[in-house]
Full PDB file with SEQRES, HELIX, SHEET, SSBOND, CRYST1, ORIGX, SCALE, CONECT and MASTER records, all heavy atoms in Angstrom:
SEQRES   1 A   35  ARG VAL ARG ARG GLN HIS LEU SER ASN VAL ASP ASP LEU          
SEQRES   2 A   35  LEU GLU MET ASP ALA GLU ALA THR LYS PHE ALA ASP GLY          
SEQRES   3 A   35  THR PHE ASP ILE ALA VAL ALA MET PHE                          
HELIX    1 AA1 VAL A    2  GLN A    5  1                                   4    
CRYST1    1.000    1.000    1.000  90.00  90.00  90.00 P 1           1          
ORIGX1      1.000000  0.000000  0.000000        0.00000                         
ORIGX2      0.000000  1.000000  0.000000        0.00000                         
ORIGX3      0.000000  0.000000  1.000000        0.00000                         
SCALE1      1.000000  0.000000  0.000000        0.00000                         
SCALE2      0.000000  1.000000  0.000000        0.00000                         
SCALE3      0.000000  0.000000  1.000000        0.00000                         
ATOM      1  N   ARG A   1      20.564   8.822  53.111  1.00  0.00           N  
ATOM      2  CA  ARG A   1      21.777   8.494  53.855  1.00  0.00           C  
ATOM      3  C   ARG A   1      22.132   7.013  53.676  1.00  0.00           C  
ATOM      4  O   ARG A   1      23.290   6.667  53.490  1.00  0.00           O  
ATOM      5  CB  ARG A   1      21.584   8.815  55.339  1.00  0.00           C  
ATOM      6  CG  ARG A   1      22.859   8.709  56.173  1.00  0.00           C  
ATOM      7  CD  ARG A   1      22.565   8.902  57.656  1.00  0.00           C  
ATOM      8  NE  ARG A   1      21.861  10.136  57.928  1.00  0.00           N  
ATOM      9  CZ  ARG A   1      22.463  11.326  58.089  1.00  0.00           C  
ATOM     10  NH1 ARG A   1      23.780  11.406  58.020  1.00  0.00           N  
ATOM     11  NH2 ARG A   1      21.743  12.399  58.357  1.00  0.00           N  
ATOM     12  N   VAL A   2      21.130   6.154  53.741  1.00  0.00           N  
ATOM     13  CA  VAL A   2      21.362   4.716  53.585  1.00  0.00           C  
ATOM     14  C   VAL A   2      21.945   4.409  52.212  1.00  0.00           C  
ATOM     15  O   VAL A   2      22.886   3.614  52.085  1.00  0.00           O  
ATOM     16  CB  VAL A   2      20.047   3.933  53.805  1.00  0.00           C  
ATOM     17  CG1 VAL A   2      20.177   2.480  53.355  1.00  0.00           C  
ATOM     18  CG2 VAL A   2      19.645   3.991  55.279  1.00  0.00           C  
ATOM     19  N   ARG A   3      21.392   5.039  51.185  1.00  0.00           N  
ATOM     20  CA  ARG A   3      21.890   4.809  49.817  1.00  0.00           C  
ATOM     21  C   ARG A   3      23.313   5.330  49.651  1.00  0.00           C  
ATOM     22  O   ARG A   3      24.177   4.647  49.095  1.00  0.00           O  
ATOM     23  CB  ARG A   3      20.962   5.469  48.793  1.00  0.00           C  
ATOM     24  CG  ARG A   3      19.591   4.811  48.679  1.00  0.00           C  
ATOM     25  CD  ARG A   3      18.861   5.283  47.430  1.00  0.00           C  
ATOM     26  NE  ARG A   3      18.561   6.705  47.462  1.00  0.00           N  
ATOM     27  CZ  ARG A   3      17.441   7.230  47.971  1.00  0.00           C  
ATOM     28  NH1 ARG A   3      16.529   6.433  48.518  1.00  0.00           N  
ATOM     29  NH2 ARG A   3      17.235   8.538  47.939  1.00  0.00           N  
ATOM     30  N   ARG A   4      23.556   6.535  50.145  1.00  0.00           N  
ATOM     31  CA  ARG A   4      24.876   7.151  49.965  1.00  0.00           C  
ATOM     32  C   ARG A   4      25.970   6.405  50.714  1.00  0.00           C  
ATOM     33  O   ARG A   4      27.104   6.292  50.232  1.00  0.00           O  
ATOM     34  CB  ARG A   4      24.833   8.607  50.429  1.00  0.00           C  
ATOM     35  CG  ARG A   4      24.138   9.552  49.461  1.00  0.00           C  
ATOM     36  CD  ARG A   4      24.091  10.970  50.022  1.00  0.00           C  
ATOM     37  NE  ARG A   4      23.594  11.933  49.047  1.00  0.00           N  
ATOM     38  CZ  ARG A   4      23.320  13.203  49.326  1.00  0.00           C  
ATOM     39  NH1 ARG A   4      23.493  13.654  50.577  1.00  0.00           N  
ATOM     40  NH2 ARG A   4      22.860  14.011  48.388  1.00  0.00           N  
ATOM     41  N   GLN A   5      25.641   5.885  51.890  1.00  0.00           N  
ATOM     42  CA  GLN A   5      26.650   5.232  52.719  1.00  0.00           C  
ATOM     43  C   GLN A   5      26.593   3.705  52.624  1.00  0.00           C  
ATOM     44  O   GLN A   5      27.322   3.016  53.333  1.00  0.00           O  
ATOM     45  CB  GLN A   5      26.494   5.692  54.172  1.00  0.00           C  
ATOM     46  CG  GLN A   5      26.688   7.195  54.330  1.00  0.00           C  
ATOM     47  CD  GLN A   5      26.771   7.636  55.783  1.00  0.00           C  
ATOM     48  OE1 GLN A   5      27.200   6.892  56.665  1.00  0.00           O  
ATOM     49  NE2 GLN A   5      26.354   8.864  56.048  1.00  0.00           N  
ATOM     50  N   HIS A   6      25.756   3.197  51.734  1.00  0.00           N  
ATOM     51  CA  HIS A   6      25.684   1.748  51.475  1.00  0.00           C  
ATOM     52  C   HIS A   6      25.488   0.967  52.783  1.00  0.00           C  
ATOM     53  O   HIS A   6      26.237   0.029  53.075  1.00  0.00           O  
ATOM     54  CB  HIS A   6      26.943   1.264  50.739  1.00  0.00           C  
ATOM     55  CG  HIS A   6      27.252   2.043  49.500  1.00  0.00           C  
ATOM     56  ND1 HIS A   6      26.506   1.935  48.344  1.00  0.00           N  
ATOM     57  CD2 HIS A   6      28.214   2.972  49.240  1.00  0.00           C  
ATOM     58  CE1 HIS A   6      26.996   2.753  47.413  1.00  0.00           C  
ATOM     59  NE2 HIS A   6      28.027   3.390  47.938  1.00  0.00           N  
ATOM     60  N   LEU A   7      24.482   1.352  53.525  1.00  0.00           N  
ATOM     61  CA  LEU A   7      24.211   0.726  54.820  1.00  0.00           C  
ATOM     62  C   LEU A   7      23.324  -0.503  54.599  1.00  0.00           C  
ATOM     63  O   LEU A   7      22.102  -0.459  54.750  1.00  0.00           O  
ATOM     64  CB  LEU A   7      23.549   1.730  55.761  1.00  0.00           C  
ATOM     65  CG  LEU A   7      24.353   3.025  56.009  1.00  0.00           C  
ATOM     66  CD1 LEU A   7      23.563   3.981  56.893  1.00  0.00           C  
ATOM     67  CD2 LEU A   7      25.705   2.712  56.636  1.00  0.00           C  
ATOM     68  N   SER A   8      23.953  -1.601  54.251  1.00  0.00           N  
ATOM     69  CA  SER A   8      23.225  -2.808  53.846  1.00  0.00           C  
ATOM     70  C   SER A   8      22.513  -3.494  55.005  1.00  0.00           C  
ATOM     71  O   SER A   8      21.659  -4.359  54.781  1.00  0.00           O  
ATOM     72  CB  SER A   8      24.189  -3.800  53.182  1.00  0.00           C  
ATOM     73  OG  SER A   8      25.242  -4.136  54.071  1.00  0.00           O  
ATOM     74  N   ASN A   9      22.856  -3.140  56.232  1.00  0.00           N  
ATOM     75  CA  ASN A   9      22.193  -3.765  57.386  1.00  0.00           C  
ATOM     76  C   ASN A   9      20.922  -3.031  57.823  1.00  0.00           C  
ATOM     77  O   ASN A   9      20.286  -3.425  58.794  1.00  0.00           O  
ATOM     78  CB  ASN A   9      23.160  -3.866  58.575  1.00  0.00           C  
ATOM     79  CG  ASN A   9      23.629  -2.511  59.057  1.00  0.00           C  
ATOM     80  OD1 ASN A   9      23.816  -1.588  58.268  1.00  0.00           O  
ATOM     81  ND2 ASN A   9      23.841  -2.373  60.364  1.00  0.00           N  
ATOM     82  N   VAL A  10      20.566  -1.969  57.107  1.00  0.00           N  
ATOM     83  CA  VAL A  10      19.295  -1.300  57.357  1.00  0.00           C  
ATOM     84  C   VAL A  10      18.240  -1.991  56.513  1.00  0.00           C  
ATOM     85  O   VAL A  10      18.210  -1.853  55.291  1.00  0.00           O  
ATOM     86  CB  VAL A  10      19.370   0.207  57.027  1.00  0.00           C  
ATOM     87  CG1 VAL A  10      18.016   0.871  57.243  1.00  0.00           C  
ATOM     88  CG2 VAL A  10      20.438   0.881  57.882  1.00  0.00           C  
ATOM     89  N   ASP A  11      17.378  -2.756  57.169  1.00  0.00           N  
ATOM     90  CA  ASP A  11      16.403  -3.569  56.445  1.00  0.00           C  
ATOM     91  C   ASP A  11      15.229  -2.761  55.922  1.00  0.00           C  
ATOM     92  O   ASP A  11      14.720  -3.020  54.836  1.00  0.00           O  
ATOM     93  CB  ASP A  11      15.867  -4.681  57.362  1.00  0.00           C  
ATOM     94  CG  ASP A  11      16.921  -5.717  57.706  1.00  0.00           C  
ATOM     95  OD1 ASP A  11      17.944  -5.783  56.995  1.00  0.00           O  
ATOM     96  OD2 ASP A  11      16.719  -6.453  58.695  1.00  0.00           O  
ATOM     97  N   ASP A  12      14.768  -1.777  56.697  1.00  0.00           N  
ATOM     98  CA  ASP A  12      13.599  -1.016  56.264  1.00  0.00           C  
ATOM     99  C   ASP A  12      13.511   0.291  57.032  1.00  0.00           C  
ATOM    100  O   ASP A  12      13.969   0.390  58.174  1.00  0.00           O  
ATOM    101  CB  ASP A  12      12.323  -1.825  56.510  1.00  0.00           C  
ATOM    102  CG  ASP A  12      11.318  -1.673  55.372  1.00  0.00           C  
ATOM    103  OD1 ASP A  12      11.409  -0.676  54.623  1.00  0.00           O  
ATOM    104  OD2 ASP A  12      10.451  -2.548  55.229  1.00  0.00           O  
ATOM    105  N   LEU A  13      12.907   1.289  56.390  1.00  0.00           N  
ATOM    106  CA  LEU A  13      12.618   2.580  57.010  1.00  0.00           C  
ATOM    107  C   LEU A  13      11.160   2.884  56.707  1.00  0.00           C  
ATOM    108  O   LEU A  13      10.784   3.062  55.546  1.00  0.00           O  
ATOM    109  CB  LEU A  13      13.532   3.678  56.457  1.00  0.00           C  
ATOM    110  CG  LEU A  13      15.025   3.521  56.779  1.00  0.00           C  
ATOM    111  CD1 LEU A  13      15.856   4.532  55.982  1.00  0.00           C  
ATOM    112  CD2 LEU A  13      15.285   3.689  58.267  1.00  0.00           C  
ATOM    113  N   LEU A  14      10.331   2.940  57.751  1.00  0.00           N  
ATOM    114  CA  LEU A  14       8.891   2.963  57.575  1.00  0.00           C  
ATOM    115  C   LEU A  14       8.256   4.149  58.285  1.00  0.00           C  
ATOM    116  O   LEU A  14       8.648   4.495  59.400  1.00  0.00           O  
ATOM    117  CB  LEU A  14       8.277   1.676  58.141  1.00  0.00           C  
ATOM    118  CG  LEU A  14       8.829   0.359  57.580  1.00  0.00           C  
ATOM    119  CD1 LEU A  14       8.340  -0.812  58.411  1.00  0.00           C  
ATOM    120  CD2 LEU A  14       8.428   0.197  56.125  1.00  0.00           C  
ATOM    121  N   GLU A  15       7.263   4.757  57.639  1.00  0.00           N  
ATOM    122  CA  GLU A  15       6.482   5.806  58.278  1.00  0.00           C  
ATOM    123  C   GLU A  15       5.417   5.125  59.137  1.00  0.00           C  
ATOM    124  O   GLU A  15       4.522   4.453  58.611  1.00  0.00           O  
ATOM    125  CB  GLU A  15       5.835   6.715  57.232  1.00  0.00           C  
ATOM    126  CG  GLU A  15       5.157   7.930  57.828  1.00  0.00           C  
ATOM    127  CD  GLU A  15       4.722   8.948  56.786  1.00  0.00           C  
ATOM    128  OE1 GLU A  15       5.239   8.924  55.649  1.00  0.00           O  
ATOM    129  OE2 GLU A  15       3.842   9.775  57.129  1.00  0.00           O  
ATOM    130  N   MET A  16       5.522   5.294  60.449  1.00  0.00           N  
ATOM    131  CA  MET A  16       4.678   4.515  61.349  1.00  0.00           C  
ATOM    132  C   MET A  16       4.557   5.225  62.692  1.00  0.00           C  
ATOM    133  O   MET A  16       5.487   5.894  63.141  1.00  0.00           O  
ATOM    134  CB  MET A  16       5.301   3.117  61.539  1.00  0.00           C  
ATOM    135  CG  MET A  16       4.376   2.080  62.122  1.00  0.00           C  
ATOM    136  SD  MET A  16       5.191   0.434  62.190  1.00  0.00           S  
ATOM    137  CE  MET A  16       5.258   0.015  60.440  1.00  0.00           C  
ATOM    138  N   ASP A  17       3.409   5.054  63.315  1.00  0.00           N  
ATOM    139  CA  ASP A  17       3.153   5.598  64.640  1.00  0.00           C  
ATOM    140  C   ASP A  17       3.779   4.673  65.678  1.00  0.00           C  
ATOM    141  O   ASP A  17       3.422   3.497  65.767  1.00  0.00           O  
ATOM    142  CB  ASP A  17       1.641   5.697  64.863  1.00  0.00           C  
ATOM    143  CG  ASP A  17       1.258   6.343  66.180  1.00  0.00           C  
ATOM    144  OD1 ASP A  17       2.143   6.528  67.047  1.00  0.00           O  
ATOM    145  OD2 ASP A  17       0.068   6.662  66.356  1.00  0.00           O  
ATOM    146  N   ALA A  18       4.694   5.194  66.485  1.00  0.00           N  
ATOM    147  CA  ALA A  18       5.409   4.368  67.459  1.00  0.00           C  
ATOM    148  C   ALA A  18       4.494   3.826  68.548  1.00  0.00           C  
ATOM    149  O   ALA A  18       4.814   2.828  69.188  1.00  0.00           O  
ATOM    150  CB  ALA A  18       6.541   5.175  68.099  1.00  0.00           C  
ATOM    151  N   GLU A  19       3.353   4.470  68.768  1.00  0.00           N  
ATOM    152  CA  GLU A  19       2.421   4.007  69.790  1.00  0.00           C  
ATOM    153  C   GLU A  19       1.528   2.875  69.301  1.00  0.00           C  
ATOM    154  O   GLU A  19       0.867   2.216  70.102  1.00  0.00           O  
ATOM    155  CB  GLU A  19       1.548   5.169  70.270  1.00  0.00           C  
ATOM    156  CG  GLU A  19       2.323   6.249  71.003  1.00  0.00           C  
ATOM    157  CD  GLU A  19       1.420   7.349  71.530  1.00  0.00           C  
ATOM    158  OE1 GLU A  19       0.178   7.201  71.430  1.00  0.00           O  
ATOM    159  OE2 GLU A  19       1.945   8.355  72.033  1.00  0.00           O  
ATOM    160  N   ALA A  20       1.513   2.643  67.979  1.00  0.00           N  
ATOM    161  CA  ALA A  20       0.657   1.597  67.407  1.00  0.00           C  
ATOM    162  C   ALA A  20       1.309   1.093  66.129  1.00  0.00           C  
ATOM    163  O   ALA A  20       0.867   1.421  65.024  1.00  0.00           O  
ATOM    164  CB  ALA A  20      -0.743   2.133  67.141  1.00  0.00           C  
ATOM    165  N   THR A  21       2.366   0.311  66.269  1.00  0.00           N  
ATOM    166  CA  THR A  21       3.088  -0.187  65.107  1.00  0.00           C  
ATOM    167  C   THR A  21       2.330  -1.352  64.471  1.00  0.00           C  
ATOM    168  O   THR A  21       1.349  -1.866  65.019  1.00  0.00           O  
ATOM    169  CB  THR A  21       4.501  -0.651  65.485  1.00  0.00           C  
ATOM    170  OG1 THR A  21       4.418  -1.877  66.227  1.00  0.00           O  
ATOM    171  CG2 THR A  21       5.231   0.409  66.302  1.00  0.00           C  
ATOM    172  N   LYS A  22       2.827  -1.787  63.319  1.00  0.00           N  
ATOM    173  CA  LYS A  22       2.203  -2.899  62.591  1.00  0.00           C  
ATOM    174  C   LYS A  22       2.973  -4.206  62.781  1.00  0.00           C  
ATOM    175  O   LYS A  22       2.670  -5.200  62.119  1.00  0.00           O  
ATOM    176  CB  LYS A  22       2.145  -2.563  61.093  1.00  0.00           C  
ATOM    177  CG  LYS A  22       1.478  -1.237  60.766  1.00  0.00           C  
ATOM    178  CD  LYS A  22       0.039  -1.181  61.219  1.00  0.00           C  
ATOM    179  CE  LYS A  22      -0.618   0.140  60.796  1.00  0.00           C  
ATOM    180  NZ  LYS A  22      -2.000   0.252  61.294  1.00  0.00           N  
ATOM    181  N   PHE A  23       3.940  -4.227  63.686  1.00  0.00           N  
ATOM    182  CA  PHE A  23       4.777  -5.412  63.859  1.00  0.00           C  
ATOM    183  C   PHE A  23       4.082  -6.460  64.726  1.00  0.00           C  
ATOM    184  O   PHE A  23       3.297  -6.134  65.613  1.00  0.00           O  
ATOM    185  CB  PHE A  23       6.123  -5.028  64.491  1.00  0.00           C  
ATOM    186  CG  PHE A  23       6.864  -3.973  63.734  1.00  0.00           C  
ATOM    187  CD1 PHE A  23       7.106  -2.722  64.300  1.00  0.00           C  
ATOM    188  CD2 PHE A  23       7.327  -4.216  62.445  1.00  0.00           C  
ATOM    189  CE1 PHE A  23       7.792  -1.741  63.604  1.00  0.00           C  
ATOM    190  CE2 PHE A  23       8.017  -3.235  61.740  1.00  0.00           C  
ATOM    191  CZ  PHE A  23       8.243  -2.007  62.316  1.00  0.00           C  
ATOM    192  N   ALA A  24       4.435  -7.719  64.479  1.00  0.00           N  
ATOM    193  CA  ALA A  24       3.914  -8.811  65.305  1.00  0.00           C  
ATOM    194  C   ALA A  24       4.588  -8.801  66.671  1.00  0.00           C  
ATOM    195  O   ALA A  24       5.666  -8.223  66.857  1.00  0.00           O  
ATOM    196  CB  ALA A  24       4.178 -10.150  64.606  1.00  0.00           C  
ATOM    197  N   ASP A  25       3.951  -9.434  67.637  1.00  0.00           N  
ATOM    198  CA  ASP A  25       4.531  -9.563  68.975  1.00  0.00           C  
ATOM    199  C   ASP A  25       5.911 -10.211  68.899  1.00  0.00           C  
ATOM    200  O   ASP A  25       6.118 -11.167  68.140  1.00  0.00           O  
ATOM    201  CB  ASP A  25       3.640 -10.434  69.868  1.00  0.00           C  
ATOM    202  CG  ASP A  25       2.286  -9.805  70.165  1.00  0.00           C  
ATOM    203  OD1 ASP A  25       2.028  -8.685  69.684  1.00  0.00           O  
ATOM    204  OD2 ASP A  25       1.497 -10.444  70.885  1.00  0.00           O  
ATOM    205  N   GLY A  26       6.848  -9.682  69.690  1.00  0.00           N  
ATOM    206  CA  GLY A  26       8.168 -10.298  69.798  1.00  0.00           C  
ATOM    207  C   GLY A  26       8.977 -10.293  68.522  1.00  0.00           C  
ATOM    208  O   GLY A  26       9.817 -11.173  68.313  1.00  0.00           O  
ATOM    209  N   THR A  27       8.787  -9.297  67.678  1.00  0.00           N  
ATOM    210  CA  THR A  27       9.517  -9.237  66.404  1.00  0.00           C  
ATOM    211  C   THR A  27      10.992  -8.919  66.602  1.00  0.00           C  
ATOM    212  O   THR A  27      11.845  -9.412  65.860  1.00  0.00           O  
ATOM    213  CB  THR A  27       8.889  -8.176  65.475  1.00  0.00           C  
ATOM    214  OG1 THR A  27       7.546  -8.556  65.174  1.00  0.00           O  
ATOM    215  CG2 THR A  27       9.676  -8.022  64.184  1.00  0.00           C  
ATOM    216  N   PHE A  28      11.324  -8.113  67.609  1.00  0.00           N  
ATOM    217  CA  PHE A  28      12.674  -7.579  67.745  1.00  0.00           C  
ATOM    218  C   PHE A  28      13.352  -8.068  69.026  1.00  0.00           C  
ATOM    219  O   PHE A  28      12.704  -8.392  70.017  1.00  0.00           O  
ATOM    220  CB  PHE A  28      12.644  -6.052  67.732  1.00  0.00           C  
ATOM    221  CG  PHE A  28      12.072  -5.479  66.469  1.00  0.00           C  
ATOM    222  CD1 PHE A  28      10.735  -5.080  66.413  1.00  0.00           C  
ATOM    223  CD2 PHE A  28      12.850  -5.367  65.330  1.00  0.00           C  
ATOM    224  CE1 PHE A  28      10.201  -4.564  65.245  1.00  0.00           C  
ATOM    225  CE2 PHE A  28      12.318  -4.858  64.154  1.00  0.00           C  
ATOM    226  CZ  PHE A  28      10.984  -4.455  64.110  1.00  0.00           C  
ATOM    227  N   ASP A  29      14.697  -8.102  68.961  1.00  0.00           N  
ATOM    228  CA  ASP A  29      15.505  -8.408  70.145  1.00  0.00           C  
ATOM    229  C   ASP A  29      15.732  -7.162  70.989  1.00  0.00           C  
ATOM    230  O   ASP A  29      15.865  -7.239  72.213  1.00  0.00           O  
ATOM    231  CB  ASP A  29      16.864  -8.979  69.717  1.00  0.00           C  
ATOM    232  CG  ASP A  29      16.727 -10.241  68.883  1.00  0.00           C  
ATOM    233  OD1 ASP A  29      16.156 -11.218  69.393  1.00  0.00           O  
ATOM    234  OD2 ASP A  29      17.181 -10.235  67.712  1.00  0.00           O  
ATOM    235  N   ILE A  30      15.798  -6.022  70.311  1.00  0.00           N  
ATOM    236  CA  ILE A  30      16.113  -4.748  70.965  1.00  0.00           C  
ATOM    237  C   ILE A  30      15.267  -3.657  70.325  1.00  0.00           C  
ATOM    238  O   ILE A  30      15.083  -3.642  69.097  1.00  0.00           O  
ATOM    239  CB  ILE A  30      17.605  -4.381  70.790  1.00  0.00           C  
ATOM    240  CG1 ILE A  30      18.524  -5.488  71.322  1.00  0.00           C  
ATOM    241  CG2 ILE A  30      17.935  -3.050  71.469  1.00  0.00           C  
ATOM    242  CD1 ILE A  30      19.963  -5.355  70.850  1.00  0.00           C  
ATOM    243  N   ALA A  31      14.766  -2.747  71.134  1.00  0.00           N  
ATOM    244  CA  ALA A  31      14.147  -1.518  70.617  1.00  0.00           C  
ATOM    245  C   ALA A  31      14.854  -0.340  71.268  1.00  0.00           C  
ATOM    246  O   ALA A  31      15.101  -0.351  72.479  1.00  0.00           O  
ATOM    247  CB  ALA A  31      12.659  -1.473  70.919  1.00  0.00           C  
ATOM    248  N   VAL A  32      15.190   0.648  70.473  1.00  0.00           N  
ATOM    249  CA  VAL A  32      15.849   1.838  70.996  1.00  0.00           C  
ATOM    250  C   VAL A  32      15.109   3.064  70.490  1.00  0.00           C  
ATOM    251  O   VAL A  32      14.822   3.184  69.298  1.00  0.00           O  
ATOM    252  CB  VAL A  32      17.347   1.882  70.605  1.00  0.00           C  
ATOM    253  CG1 VAL A  32      17.550   1.797  69.098  1.00  0.00           C  
ATOM    254  CG2 VAL A  32      18.021   3.125  71.172  1.00  0.00           C  
ATOM    255  N   ALA A  33      14.747   3.947  71.402  1.00  0.00           N  
ATOM    256  CA  ALA A  33      14.024   5.172  71.077  1.00  0.00           C  
ATOM    257  C   ALA A  33      14.889   6.352  71.466  1.00  0.00           C  
ATOM    258  O   ALA A  33      15.124   6.583  72.660  1.00  0.00           O  
ATOM    259  CB  ALA A  33      12.680   5.208  71.801  1.00  0.00           C  
ATOM    260  N   MET A  34      15.358   7.087  70.484  1.00  0.00           N  
ATOM    261  CA  MET A  34      16.265   8.207  70.731  1.00  0.00           C  
ATOM    262  C   MET A  34      15.511   9.520  70.595  1.00  0.00           C  
ATOM    263  O   MET A  34      14.998   9.838  69.519  1.00  0.00           O  
ATOM    264  CB  MET A  34      17.430   8.166  69.745  1.00  0.00           C  
ATOM    265  CG  MET A  34      18.201   6.867  69.756  1.00  0.00           C  
ATOM    266  SD  MET A  34      19.666   6.948  68.695  1.00  0.00           S  
ATOM    267  CE  MET A  34      20.036   5.199  68.525  1.00  0.00           C  
ATOM    268  N   PHE A  35      15.412  10.266  71.699  1.00  0.00           N  
ATOM    269  CA  PHE A  35      14.799  11.594  71.701  1.00  0.00           C  
ATOM    270  C   PHE A  35      13.349  11.540  71.220  1.00  0.00           C  
ATOM    271  O   PHE A  35      12.893  12.423  70.505  1.00  0.00           O  
ATOM    272  CB  PHE A  35      15.634  12.560  70.848  1.00  0.00           C  
ATOM    273  CG  PHE A  35      17.109  12.473  71.117  1.00  0.00           C  
ATOM    274  CD1 PHE A  35      17.975  11.887  70.214  1.00  0.00           C  
ATOM    275  CD2 PHE A  35      17.625  12.933  72.314  1.00  0.00           C  
ATOM    276  CE1 PHE A  35      19.330  11.777  70.487  1.00  0.00           C  
ATOM    277  CE2 PHE A  35      18.983  12.838  72.595  1.00  0.00           C  
ATOM    278  CZ  PHE A  35      19.837  12.256  71.682  1.00  0.00           C  
TER     279      PHE A  35                                                      
MASTER        0    0    0    1    0    0    0    6  278    1    0    3          
END                                                                             
């Protein structure tokens, strides 16, 4: 979808466990969890 719609603001799509991510503390301004 990102390639077809040229969504240049999508930085990354990663296979990851939401309960134990690999991100550093305070990486994001907003987190949104849909369904």
